[in-house]
């Protein structure tokens, strides 16, 4: 019995130490000034969410697979692991982080809850959920598992046609069914990732969609000789203009990644032409370029009191 007692106390001690260290890391990261970058395949990183926070990214991404009633996170079905669930990797850590950020909110004059960044408490963070299994069933389970964030009032939402941005903006992509996202005209707290090349297919607008995305290679083409051609620049400008006319945020994925000099140049072109968020794999590289080039820090929505 004594041995069991000692072991239990040792386990509790280790758990407290791990949690305290994680809390300190989150707190340290939250003071970074946010920048409009998206942590592509965030779940691949050693510390999902935290690595993105450390450089200031305001977008994170989870690929989810529904098996039974559980949502697993991974790039493909062979990479799925029992403990790597949507709740464990994203919902619970965000709840813990936001609870720390809002612990004294009742005694504050601030009208809306604080977001994840202490340096910009009104900045929303986008949680992009990429559905890899059947759309309707998987999406309904995503919506259910967001309840801890919903019940605390931390999700961006649409009430009677008006958008209220909160600390977390959930955006569905991949197999997400647009009809389910947009079905309730009076209240919703999730948004759609509209197809940038098919914006005429539905009435995509800020009350039902947040991003409008597409593969850079598909929409713009391969970059030859280190720069975009005149025809490619014309395409880029037209696509950004069309998206912005609908009030949506432009995101290109499948960006050139090598050589680094060309990648960085393309990043600069996209920022200059009004692309709202950079889809990045190299978080530290993106942070370095932002600091070096003095690119705009924020182009995304801030929270609005409900």
C-alpha atoms as a PDB file:
ATOM      1  CA  UNK A   1       0.000   0.000   0.000  1.00  0.00           C
ATOM      2  CA  UNK A   2       2.816   2.365   0.874  1.00  0.00           C
ATOM      3  CA  UNK A   3       4.462   1.715  -2.480  1.00  0.00           C
ATOM      4  CA  UNK A   4       1.199   2.431  -4.324  1.00  0.00           C
ATOM      5  CA  UNK A   5       0.750   5.648  -2.329  1.00  0.00           C
ATOM      6  CA  UNK A   6       4.285   6.781  -3.185  1.00  0.00           C
ATOM      7  CA  UNK A   7       3.840   5.966  -6.873  1.00  0.00           C
ATOM      8  CA  UNK A   8       0.527   7.835  -7.068  1.00  0.00           C
ATOM      9  CA  UNK A   9       2.051  10.919  -5.485  1.00  0.00           C
ATOM     10  CA  UNK A  10       5.008  10.704  -7.846  1.00  0.00           C
ATOM     11  CA  UNK A  11       2.655  10.559 -10.828  1.00  0.00           C
ATOM     12  CA  UNK A  12       0.699  13.559  -9.536  1.00  0.00           C
ATOM     13  CA  UNK A  13       3.924  15.496  -9.038  1.00  0.00           C
ATOM     14  CA  UNK A  14       5.121  14.753 -12.572  1.00  0.00           C
ATOM     15  CA  UNK A  15       1.707  15.675 -14.008  1.00  0.00           C
ATOM     16  CA  UNK A  16       1.756  19.008 -12.163  1.00  0.00           C
ATOM     17  CA  UNK A  17       5.277  19.739 -13.369  1.00  0.00           C
ATOM     18  CA  UNK A  18       4.338  18.983 -16.981  1.00  0.00           C
ATOM     19  CA  UNK A  19       1.186  21.093 -16.761  1.00  0.00           C
ATOM     20  CA  UNK A  20       3.022  24.006 -15.122  1.00  0.00           C
ATOM     21  CA  UNK A  21       5.702  23.896 -17.817  1.00  0.00           C
ATOM     22  CA  UNK A  22       3.063  23.819 -20.556  1.00  0.00           C
ATOM     23  CA  UNK A  23       1.228  26.739 -18.952  1.00  0.00           C
ATOM     24  CA  UNK A  24       4.440  28.757 -18.819  1.00  0.00           C
ATOM     25  CA  UNK A  25       5.141  27.995 -22.483  1.00  0.00           C
ATOM     26  CA  UNK A  26       1.649  29.069 -23.523  1.00  0.00           C
ATOM     27  CA  UNK A  27       1.920  32.227 -21.448  1.00  0.00           C
ATOM     28  CA  UNK A  28       5.323  33.051 -22.943  1.00  0.00           C
ATOM     29  CA  UNK A  29       4.039  32.500 -26.478  1.00  0.00           C
ATOM     30  CA  UNK A  30       0.904  34.566 -25.926  1.00  0.00           C
ATOM     31  CA  UNK A  31       2.922  37.797 -25.558  1.00  0.00           C
ATOM     32  CA  UNK A  32       4.255  37.525 -29.137  1.00  0.00           C
ATOM     33  CA  UNK A  33       2.828  40.042 -31.585  1.00  0.00           C
ATOM     34  CA  UNK A  34       0.538  38.113 -33.964  1.00  0.00           C
ATOM     35  CA  UNK A  35       1.104  37.997 -37.720  1.00  0.00           C
ATOM     36  CA  UNK A  36      -1.239  36.742 -40.480  1.00  0.00           C
ATOM     37  CA  UNK A  37       0.259  33.319 -41.084  1.00  0.00           C
ATOM     38  CA  UNK A  38      -1.401  29.914 -40.991  1.00  0.00           C
ATOM     39  CA  UNK A  39       0.335  26.884 -39.473  1.00  0.00           C
ATOM     40  CA  UNK A  40      -0.196  24.328 -42.234  1.00  0.00           C
ATOM     41  CA  UNK A  41      -0.557  20.753 -40.940  1.00  0.00           C
ATOM     42  CA  UNK A  42      -0.157  22.108 -37.418  1.00  0.00           C
ATOM     43  CA  UNK A  43      -0.708  18.660 -35.890  1.00  0.00           C
ATOM     44  CA  UNK A  44       2.614  17.477 -37.399  1.00  0.00           C
ATOM     45  CA  UNK A  45       4.550  19.777 -35.132  1.00  0.00           C
ATOM     46  CA  UNK A  46       6.144  18.697 -31.874  1.00  0.00           C
ATOM     47  CA  UNK A  47       3.835  21.048 -29.992  1.00  0.00           C
ATOM     48  CA  UNK A  48       0.571  21.630 -31.889  1.00  0.00           C
ATOM     49  CA  UNK A  49      -0.858  25.108 -31.280  1.00  0.00           C
ATOM     50  CA  UNK A  50       2.126  26.193 -29.189  1.00  0.00           C
ATOM     51  CA  UNK A  51       4.643  26.231 -32.068  1.00  0.00           C
ATOM     52  CA  UNK A  52       2.245  28.437 -34.036  1.00  0.00           C
ATOM     53  CA  UNK A  53       1.712  30.712 -31.040  1.00  0.00           C
ATOM     54  CA  UNK A  54       5.437  31.057 -30.503  1.00  0.00           C
ATOM     55  CA  UNK A  55       5.936  32.816 -33.842  1.00  0.00           C
ATOM     56  CA  UNK A  56       2.606  34.654 -33.821  1.00  0.00           C
ATOM     57  CA  UNK A  57       0.569  32.700 -36.384  1.00  0.00           C
ATOM     58  CA  UNK A  58      -3.150  33.353 -36.108  1.00  0.00           C
ATOM     59  CA  UNK A  59      -4.220  30.225 -37.982  1.00  0.00           C
ATOM     60  CA  UNK A  60      -3.860  26.544 -37.066  1.00  0.00           C
ATOM     61  CA  UNK A  61      -5.056  23.429 -38.861  1.00  0.00           C
ATOM     62  CA  UNK A  62      -6.305  19.964 -37.940  1.00  0.00           C
ATOM     63  CA  UNK A  63      -7.032  17.137 -40.386  1.00  0.00           C
ATOM     64  CA  UNK A  64      -9.756  15.038 -38.775  1.00  0.00           C
ATOM     65  CA  UNK A  65     -10.970  11.481 -39.356  1.00  0.00           C
ATOM     66  CA  UNK A  66     -14.154  10.075 -37.831  1.00  0.00           C
ATOM     67  CA  UNK A  67     -14.037   6.494 -36.547  1.00  0.00           C
ATOM     68  CA  UNK A  68     -16.988   5.512 -34.384  1.00  0.00           C
ATOM     69  CA  UNK A  69     -17.742   8.636 -32.379  1.00  0.00           C
ATOM     70  CA  UNK A  70     -14.135   9.804 -32.066  1.00  0.00           C
ATOM     71  CA  UNK A  71     -12.299  12.355 -34.190  1.00  0.00           C
ATOM     72  CA  UNK A  72      -8.662  11.463 -34.778  1.00  0.00           C
ATOM     73  CA  UNK A  73      -6.104  13.927 -36.103  1.00  0.00           C
ATOM     74  CA  UNK A  74      -3.541  12.973 -38.739  1.00  0.00           C
ATOM     75  CA  UNK A  75      -2.416  13.427 -42.336  1.00  0.00           C
ATOM     76  CA  UNK A  76      -3.573   9.963 -43.396  1.00  0.00           C
ATOM     77  CA  UNK A  77      -5.290   7.003 -41.758  1.00  0.00           C
ATOM     78  CA  UNK A  78      -1.971   5.220 -41.123  1.00  0.00           C
ATOM     79  CA  UNK A  79      -0.728   8.126 -39.007  1.00  0.00           C
ATOM     80  CA  UNK A  80      -3.693   8.088 -36.611  1.00  0.00           C
ATOM     81  CA  UNK A  81      -3.005   7.339 -32.955  1.00  0.00           C
ATOM     82  CA  UNK A  82      -5.345   6.652 -30.034  1.00  0.00           C
ATOM     83  CA  UNK A  83      -4.362   9.743 -28.038  1.00  0.00           C
ATOM     84  CA  UNK A  84      -4.122  12.112 -31.008  1.00  0.00           C
ATOM     85  CA  UNK A  85      -7.724  13.226 -31.033  1.00  0.00           C
ATOM     86  CA  UNK A  86      -9.322  16.533 -31.940  1.00  0.00           C
ATOM     87  CA  UNK A  87     -10.270  17.093 -28.313  1.00  0.00           C
ATOM     88  CA  UNK A  88      -6.848  16.205 -26.894  1.00  0.00           C
ATOM     89  CA  UNK A  89      -4.765  18.169 -29.397  1.00  0.00           C
ATOM     90  CA  UNK A  90      -6.969  21.211 -29.972  1.00  0.00           C
ATOM     91  CA  UNK A  91     -10.172  21.693 -27.996  1.00  0.00           C
ATOM     92  CA  UNK A  92      -8.813  21.005 -24.501  1.00  0.00           C
ATOM     93  CA  UNK A  93      -5.544  22.983 -24.945  1.00  0.00           C
ATOM     94  CA  UNK A  94      -7.459  25.977 -26.312  1.00  0.00           C
ATOM     95  CA  UNK A  95      -9.878  25.816 -23.385  1.00  0.00           C
ATOM     96  CA  UNK A  96      -6.986  25.753 -20.895  1.00  0.00           C
ATOM     97  CA  UNK A  97      -5.191  28.592 -22.642  1.00  0.00           C
ATOM     98  CA  UNK A  98      -8.271  30.807 -22.866  1.00  0.00           C
ATOM     99  CA  UNK A  99      -9.245  30.087 -19.260  1.00  0.00           C
ATOM    100  CA  UNK A 100      -5.844  31.428 -18.223  1.00  0.00           C
ATOM    101  CA  UNK A 101      -6.248  34.475 -20.449  1.00  0.00           C
ATOM    102  CA  UNK A 102      -9.728  35.250 -19.093  1.00  0.00           C
ATOM    103  CA  UNK A 103      -9.355  34.285 -15.436  1.00  0.00           C
ATOM    104  CA  UNK A 104     -10.032  37.848 -14.217  1.00  0.00           C
ATOM    105  CA  UNK A 105     -12.442  38.917 -16.972  1.00  0.00           C
ATOM    106  CA  UNK A 106     -15.323  39.470 -14.539  1.00  0.00           C
ATOM    107  CA  UNK A 107     -13.282  42.161 -12.793  1.00  0.00           C
ATOM    108  CA  UNK A 108     -12.288  43.803 -16.066  1.00  0.00           C
ATOM    109  CA  UNK A 109     -13.963  46.600 -18.032  1.00  0.00           C
ATOM    110  CA  UNK A 110     -13.370  44.673 -21.261  1.00  0.00           C
ATOM    111  CA  UNK A 111     -16.648  43.776 -22.972  1.00  0.00           C
ATOM    112  CA  UNK A 112     -15.528  40.679 -24.860  1.00  0.00           C
ATOM    113  CA  UNK A 113     -13.344  37.714 -23.868  1.00  0.00           C
ATOM    114  CA  UNK A 114      -9.616  37.944 -24.503  1.00  0.00           C
ATOM    115  CA  UNK A 115      -8.071  35.947 -27.309  1.00  0.00           C
ATOM    116  CA  UNK A 116      -4.930  33.836 -27.153  1.00  0.00           C
ATOM    117  CA  UNK A 117      -2.502  36.721 -27.683  1.00  0.00           C
ATOM    118  CA  UNK A 118      -1.802  39.032 -24.785  1.00  0.00           C
ATOM    119  CA  UNK A 119      -0.181  41.504 -27.189  1.00  0.00           C
ATOM    120  CA  UNK A 120      -3.447  41.668 -29.171  1.00  0.00           C
ATOM    121  CA  UNK A 121      -6.280  40.311 -26.997  1.00  0.00           C
ATOM    122  CA  UNK A 122      -8.954  41.156 -29.570  1.00  0.00           C
ATOM    123  CA  UNK A 123      -7.337  39.092 -32.314  1.00  0.00           C
ATOM    124  CA  UNK A 124      -9.248  35.978 -33.333  1.00  0.00           C
ATOM    125  CA  UNK A 125      -7.393  32.722 -33.986  1.00  0.00           C
ATOM    126  CA  UNK A 126      -8.637  30.584 -36.872  1.00  0.00           C
ATOM    127  CA  UNK A 127      -8.983  26.846 -36.290  1.00  0.00           C
ATOM    128  CA  UNK A 128      -9.185  25.319 -39.765  1.00  0.00           C
ATOM    129  CA  UNK A 129     -10.729  21.847 -39.585  1.00  0.00           C
ATOM    130  CA  UNK A 130     -10.028  19.739 -42.676  1.00  0.00           C
ATOM    131  CA  UNK A 131     -12.502  16.852 -42.886  1.00  0.00           C
ATOM    132  CA  UNK A 132     -10.953  13.685 -44.317  1.00  0.00           C
ATOM    133  CA  UNK A 133     -13.904  11.339 -43.814  1.00  0.00           C
ATOM    134  CA  UNK A 134     -17.569  11.594 -44.806  1.00  0.00           C
ATOM    135  CA  UNK A 135     -18.725  15.190 -44.637  1.00  0.00           C
ATOM    136  CA  UNK A 136     -22.106  15.227 -42.846  1.00  0.00           C
ATOM    137  CA  UNK A 137     -21.268  12.683 -40.122  1.00  0.00           C
ATOM    138  CA  UNK A 138     -17.789  14.054 -39.486  1.00  0.00           C
ATOM    139  CA  UNK A 139     -18.923  17.677 -39.428  1.00  0.00           C
ATOM    140  CA  UNK A 140     -21.710  17.007 -36.943  1.00  0.00           C
ATOM    141  CA  UNK A 141     -19.172  15.382 -34.609  1.00  0.00           C
ATOM    142  CA  UNK A 142     -16.826  18.371 -34.982  1.00  0.00           C
ATOM    143  CA  UNK A 143     -19.679  20.676 -34.004  1.00  0.00           C
ATOM    144  CA  UNK A 144     -20.455  18.513 -30.958  1.00  0.00           C
ATOM    145  CA  UNK A 145     -16.849  18.435 -29.785  1.00  0.00           C
ATOM    146  CA  UNK A 146     -16.586  22.231 -29.977  1.00  0.00           C
ATOM    147  CA  UNK A 147     -19.083  22.502 -27.107  1.00  0.00           C
ATOM    148  CA  UNK A 148     -16.494  23.378 -24.388  1.00  0.00           C
ATOM    149  CA  UNK A 149     -15.490  26.435 -26.441  1.00  0.00           C
ATOM    150  CA  UNK A 150     -19.085  27.231 -27.354  1.00  0.00           C
ATOM    151  CA  UNK A 151     -20.476  27.116 -23.820  1.00  0.00           C
ATOM    152  CA  UNK A 152     -17.806  29.567 -22.652  1.00  0.00           C
ATOM    153  CA  UNK A 153     -18.682  32.036 -25.412  1.00  0.00           C
ATOM    154  CA  UNK A 154     -15.306  31.761 -27.148  1.00  0.00           C
ATOM    155  CA  UNK A 155     -16.425  30.936 -30.687  1.00  0.00           C
ATOM    156  CA  UNK A 156     -16.990  33.486 -33.430  1.00  0.00           C
ATOM    157  CA  UNK A 157     -20.653  33.397 -34.353  1.00  0.00           C
ATOM    158  CA  UNK A 158     -23.389  34.805 -36.535  1.00  0.00           C
ATOM    159  CA  UNK A 159     -26.516  36.015 -34.762  1.00  0.00           C
ATOM    160  CA  UNK A 160     -29.428  37.273 -36.866  1.00  0.00           C
ATOM    161  CA  UNK A 161     -27.153  37.993 -39.786  1.00  0.00           C
ATOM    162  CA  UNK A 162     -24.454  39.836 -37.823  1.00  0.00           C
ATOM    163  CA  UNK A 163     -20.955  38.438 -37.335  1.00  0.00           C
ATOM    164  CA  UNK A 164     -19.412  38.580 -33.854  1.00  0.00           C
ATOM    165  CA  UNK A 165     -15.768  37.507 -33.863  1.00  0.00           C
ATOM    166  CA  UNK A 166     -14.592  35.732 -30.732  1.00  0.00           C
ATOM    167  CA  UNK A 167     -11.236  34.323 -29.602  1.00  0.00           C
ATOM    168  CA  UNK A 168     -11.601  31.265 -31.878  1.00  0.00           C
ATOM    169  CA  UNK A 169     -13.015  31.211 -35.411  1.00  0.00           C
ATOM    170  CA  UNK A 170     -13.741  27.669 -36.619  1.00  0.00           C
ATOM    171  CA  UNK A 171     -13.580  27.162 -40.387  1.00  0.00           C
ATOM    172  CA  UNK A 172     -14.478  23.919 -42.123  1.00  0.00           C
ATOM    173  CA  UNK A 173     -12.652  22.748 -45.248  1.00  0.00           C
ATOM    174  CA  UNK A 174     -12.001  19.495 -47.118  1.00  0.00           C
ATOM    175  CA  UNK A 175     -15.189  17.397 -47.045  1.00  0.00           C
ATOM    176  CA  UNK A 176     -17.067  19.970 -44.965  1.00  0.00           C
ATOM    177  CA  UNK A 177     -20.615  20.295 -46.396  1.00  0.00           C
ATOM    178  CA  UNK A 178     -21.437  23.951 -47.039  1.00  0.00           C
ATOM    179  CA  UNK A 179     -25.151  23.260 -46.636  1.00  0.00           C
ATOM    180  CA  UNK A 180     -24.688  22.126 -43.025  1.00  0.00           C
ATOM    181  CA  UNK A 181     -22.506  25.105 -42.154  1.00  0.00           C
ATOM    182  CA  UNK A 182     -24.987  27.592 -43.594  1.00  0.00           C
ATOM    183  CA  UNK A 183     -28.296  25.886 -42.787  1.00  0.00           C
ATOM    184  CA  UNK A 184     -29.319  27.973 -39.737  1.00  0.00           C
ATOM    185  CA  UNK A 185     -29.964  31.601 -40.793  1.00  0.00           C
ATOM    186  CA  UNK A 186     -30.401  32.890 -37.220  1.00  0.00           C
ATOM    187  CA  UNK A 187     -27.377  31.390 -35.431  1.00  0.00           C
ATOM    188  CA  UNK A 188     -24.166  29.602 -36.375  1.00  0.00           C
ATOM    189  CA  UNK A 189     -20.704  29.427 -34.838  1.00  0.00           C
ATOM    190  CA  UNK A 190     -18.751  27.760 -37.627  1.00  0.00           C
ATOM    191  CA  UNK A 191     -17.734  29.064 -41.036  1.00  0.00           C
ATOM    192  CA  UNK A 192     -16.857  27.654 -44.458  1.00  0.00           C
ATOM    193  CA  UNK A 193     -13.670  27.696 -46.517  1.00  0.00           C
ATOM    194  CA  UNK A 194     -15.110  28.776 -49.868  1.00  0.00           C
ATOM    195  CA  UNK A 195     -13.515  27.548 -53.142  1.00  0.00           C
ATOM    196  CA  UNK A 196     -11.696  30.530 -54.639  1.00  0.00           C
ATOM    197  CA  UNK A 197     -12.193  29.422 -58.247  1.00  0.00           C
ATOM    198  CA  UNK A 198     -15.899  28.658 -57.756  1.00  0.00           C
ATOM    199  CA  UNK A 199     -17.199  31.659 -55.838  1.00  0.00           C
ATOM    200  CA  UNK A 200     -20.202  31.922 -58.160  1.00  0.00           C
ATOM    201  CA  UNK A 201     -21.448  28.454 -57.147  1.00  0.00           C
ATOM    202  CA  UNK A 202     -23.083  29.697 -53.910  1.00  0.00           C
ATOM    203  CA  UNK A 203     -23.794  32.927 -52.072  1.00  0.00           C
ATOM    204  CA  UNK A 204     -20.495  32.901 -50.179  1.00  0.00           C
ATOM    205  CA  UNK A 205     -20.253  35.876 -47.827  1.00  0.00           C
ATOM    206  CA  UNK A 206     -18.870  36.703 -44.340  1.00  0.00           C
ATOM    207  CA  UNK A 207     -21.964  35.339 -42.580  1.00  0.00           C
ATOM    208  CA  UNK A 208     -21.310  31.806 -43.848  1.00  0.00           C
ATOM    209  CA  UNK A 209     -17.651  31.759 -44.943  1.00  0.00           C
ATOM    210  CA  UNK A 210     -14.350  33.099 -43.660  1.00  0.00           C
ATOM    211  CA  UNK A 211     -11.542  31.976 -45.963  1.00  0.00           C
ATOM    212  CA  UNK A 212     -11.688  31.406 -49.668  1.00  0.00           C
ATOM    213  CA  UNK A 213      -8.877  29.048 -50.614  1.00  0.00           C
ATOM    214  CA  UNK A 214      -7.283  27.211 -53.511  1.00  0.00           C
ATOM    215  CA  UNK A 215      -4.060  25.486 -54.519  1.00  0.00           C
ATOM    216  CA  UNK A 216      -1.589  28.124 -55.689  1.00  0.00           C
ATOM    217  CA  UNK A 217      -0.292  25.778 -58.367  1.00  0.00           C
ATOM    218  CA  UNK A 218      -3.806  25.139 -59.667  1.00  0.00           C
ATOM    219  CA  UNK A 219      -4.995  28.743 -59.586  1.00  0.00           C
ATOM    220  CA  UNK A 220      -1.818  30.618 -60.550  1.00  0.00           C
ATOM    221  CA  UNK A 221       0.499  27.974 -61.997  1.00  0.00           C
ATOM    222  CA  UNK A 222       4.144  26.992 -61.664  1.00  0.00           C
ATOM    223  CA  UNK A 223       6.609  29.775 -60.937  1.00  0.00           C
ATOM    224  CA  UNK A 224       9.367  29.853 -63.550  1.00  0.00           C
ATOM    225  CA  UNK A 225      12.558  31.917 -63.405  1.00  0.00           C
ATOM    226  CA  UNK A 226      11.932  33.065 -59.849  1.00  0.00           C
ATOM    227  CA  UNK A 227       8.942  35.341 -60.396  1.00  0.00           C
ATOM    228  CA  UNK A 228       5.327  35.444 -61.504  1.00  0.00           C
ATOM    229  CA  UNK A 229       4.670  36.183 -65.153  1.00  0.00           C
ATOM    230  CA  UNK A 230       2.479  39.072 -66.236  1.00  0.00           C
ATOM    231  CA  UNK A 231      -0.380  36.648 -66.913  1.00  0.00           C
ATOM    232  CA  UNK A 232       0.011  35.089 -63.462  1.00  0.00           C
ATOM    233  CA  UNK A 233       0.008  38.507 -61.803  1.00  0.00           C
ATOM    234  CA  UNK A 234      -3.206  39.343 -63.649  1.00  0.00           C
ATOM    235  CA  UNK A 235      -4.796  36.131 -62.351  1.00  0.00           C
ATOM    236  CA  UNK A 236      -3.637  36.819 -58.803  1.00  0.00           C
ATOM    237  CA  UNK A 237      -4.962  40.376 -58.751  1.00  0.00           C
ATOM    238  CA  UNK A 238      -8.328  39.315 -60.204  1.00  0.00           C
ATOM    239  CA  UNK A 239      -8.766  36.478 -57.706  1.00  0.00           C
ATOM    240  CA  UNK A 240      -7.919  38.661 -54.714  1.00  0.00           C
ATOM    241  CA  UNK A 241     -10.252  41.403 -55.960  1.00  0.00           C
ATOM    242  CA  UNK A 242     -13.139  38.958 -56.434  1.00  0.00           C
ATOM    243  CA  UNK A 243     -12.690  37.449 -52.973  1.00  0.00           C
ATOM    244  CA  UNK A 244     -12.464  40.819 -51.256  1.00  0.00           C
ATOM    245  CA  UNK A 245     -15.565  42.053 -53.067  1.00  0.00           C
ATOM    246  CA  UNK A 246     -17.401  39.283 -51.204  1.00  0.00           C
ATOM    247  CA  UNK A 247     -15.777  40.126 -47.875  1.00  0.00           C
ATOM    248  CA  UNK A 248     -13.721  36.915 -47.734  1.00  0.00           C
ATOM    249  CA  UNK A 249     -10.110  36.250 -46.733  1.00  0.00           C
ATOM    250  CA  UNK A 250      -7.790  34.866 -49.411  1.00  0.00           C
ATOM    251  CA  UNK A 251      -5.611  31.842 -48.643  1.00  0.00           C
ATOM    252  CA  UNK A 252      -3.436  29.980 -51.136  1.00  0.00           C
ATOM    253  CA  UNK A 253      -2.042  26.570 -50.239  1.00  0.00           C
ATOM    254  CA  UNK A 254       0.530  24.469 -52.091  1.00  0.00           C
ATOM    255  CA  UNK A 255       2.866  27.464 -52.316  1.00  0.00           C
ATOM    256  CA  UNK A 256       6.394  27.155 -53.781  1.00  0.00           C
ATOM    257  CA  UNK A 257       8.660  25.943 -50.970  1.00  0.00           C
ATOM    258  CA  UNK A 258      12.086  25.796 -52.604  1.00  0.00           C
ATOM    259  CA  UNK A 259      14.478  27.430 -53.216  1.00  0.00           C
ATOM    260  CA  UNK A 260      14.020  29.474 -50.062  1.00  0.00           C
ATOM    261  CA  UNK A 261      14.794  32.746 -51.856  1.00  0.00           C
ATOM    262  CA  UNK A 262      11.971  32.166 -54.345  1.00  0.00           C
ATOM    263  CA  UNK A 263       9.602  31.044 -51.601  1.00  0.00           C
ATOM    264  CA  UNK A 264      10.287  34.226 -49.649  1.00  0.00           C
ATOM    265  CA  UNK A 265       9.875  36.348 -52.768  1.00  0.00           C
ATOM    266  CA  UNK A 266       6.488  34.765 -53.523  1.00  0.00           C
ATOM    267  CA  UNK A 267       5.437  35.366 -49.930  1.00  0.00           C
ATOM    268  CA  UNK A 268       6.277  39.042 -50.404  1.00  0.00           C
ATOM    269  CA  UNK A 269       4.300  39.238 -53.655  1.00  0.00           C
ATOM    270  CA  UNK A 270       1.241  37.667 -52.028  1.00  0.00           C
ATOM    271  CA  UNK A 271       1.375  40.043 -49.071  1.00  0.00           C
ATOM    272  CA  UNK A 272       1.834  43.045 -51.360  1.00  0.00           C
ATOM    273  CA  UNK A 273      -1.143  42.045 -53.515  1.00  0.00           C
ATOM    274  CA  UNK A 274      -3.476  41.722 -50.539  1.00  0.00           C
ATOM    275  CA  UNK A 275      -3.546  37.985 -49.803  1.00  0.00           C
ATOM    276  CA  UNK A 276      -4.858  37.894 -46.254  1.00  0.00           C
ATOM    277  CA  UNK A 277      -2.986  34.988 -44.721  1.00  0.00           C
ATOM    278  CA  UNK A 278       0.120  33.011 -45.673  1.00  0.00           C
ATOM    279  CA  UNK A 279      -0.114  29.235 -45.578  1.00  0.00           C
ATOM    280  CA  UNK A 280       3.286  28.222 -44.173  1.00  0.00           C
ATOM    281  CA  UNK A 281       5.166  25.094 -43.149  1.00  0.00           C
ATOM    282  CA  UNK A 282       8.336  26.885 -42.012  1.00  0.00           C
ATOM    283  CA  UNK A 283       7.007  28.911 -39.082  1.00  0.00           C
ATOM    284  CA  UNK A 284      10.348  30.342 -38.005  1.00  0.00           C
ATOM    285  CA  UNK A 285      11.169  31.266 -41.598  1.00  0.00           C
ATOM    286  CA  UNK A 286       7.892  33.154 -41.896  1.00  0.00           C
ATOM    287  CA  UNK A 287       8.496  34.991 -38.625  1.00  0.00           C
ATOM    288  CA  UNK A 288      12.019  35.925 -39.733  1.00  0.00           C
ATOM    289  CA  UNK A 289      10.805  37.319 -43.059  1.00  0.00           C
ATOM    290  CA  UNK A 290       8.038  39.324 -41.398  1.00  0.00           C
ATOM    291  CA  UNK A 291      10.479  40.923 -39.012  1.00  0.00           C
ATOM    292  CA  UNK A 292      13.056  41.523 -41.752  1.00  0.00           C
ATOM    293  CA  UNK A 293      10.698  42.912 -44.400  1.00  0.00           C
ATOM    294  CA  UNK A 294       8.375  44.838 -42.144  1.00  0.00           C
ATOM    295  CA  UNK A 295       5.298  43.306 -43.740  1.00  0.00           C
ATOM    296  CA  UNK A 296       1.856  44.292 -42.376  1.00  0.00           C
ATOM    297  CA  UNK A 297       1.268  42.617 -39.036  1.00  0.00           C
ATOM    298  CA  UNK A 298      -2.473  42.032 -39.208  1.00  0.00           C
ATOM    299  CA  UNK A 299      -5.107  41.899 -41.909  1.00  0.00           C
ATOM    300  CA  UNK A 300      -7.693  39.714 -40.192  1.00  0.00           C
ATOM    301  CA  UNK A 301     -10.828  40.331 -38.183  1.00  0.00           C
ATOM    302  CA  UNK A 302     -10.714  41.383 -34.560  1.00  0.00           C
ATOM    303  CA  UNK A 303     -13.252  40.284 -31.998  1.00  0.00           C
ATOM    304  CA  UNK A 304     -16.509  42.196 -31.751  1.00  0.00           C
ATOM    305  CA  UNK A 305     -18.577  42.244 -28.530  1.00  0.00           C
ATOM    306  CA  UNK A 306     -21.686  40.087 -28.905  1.00  0.00           C
END
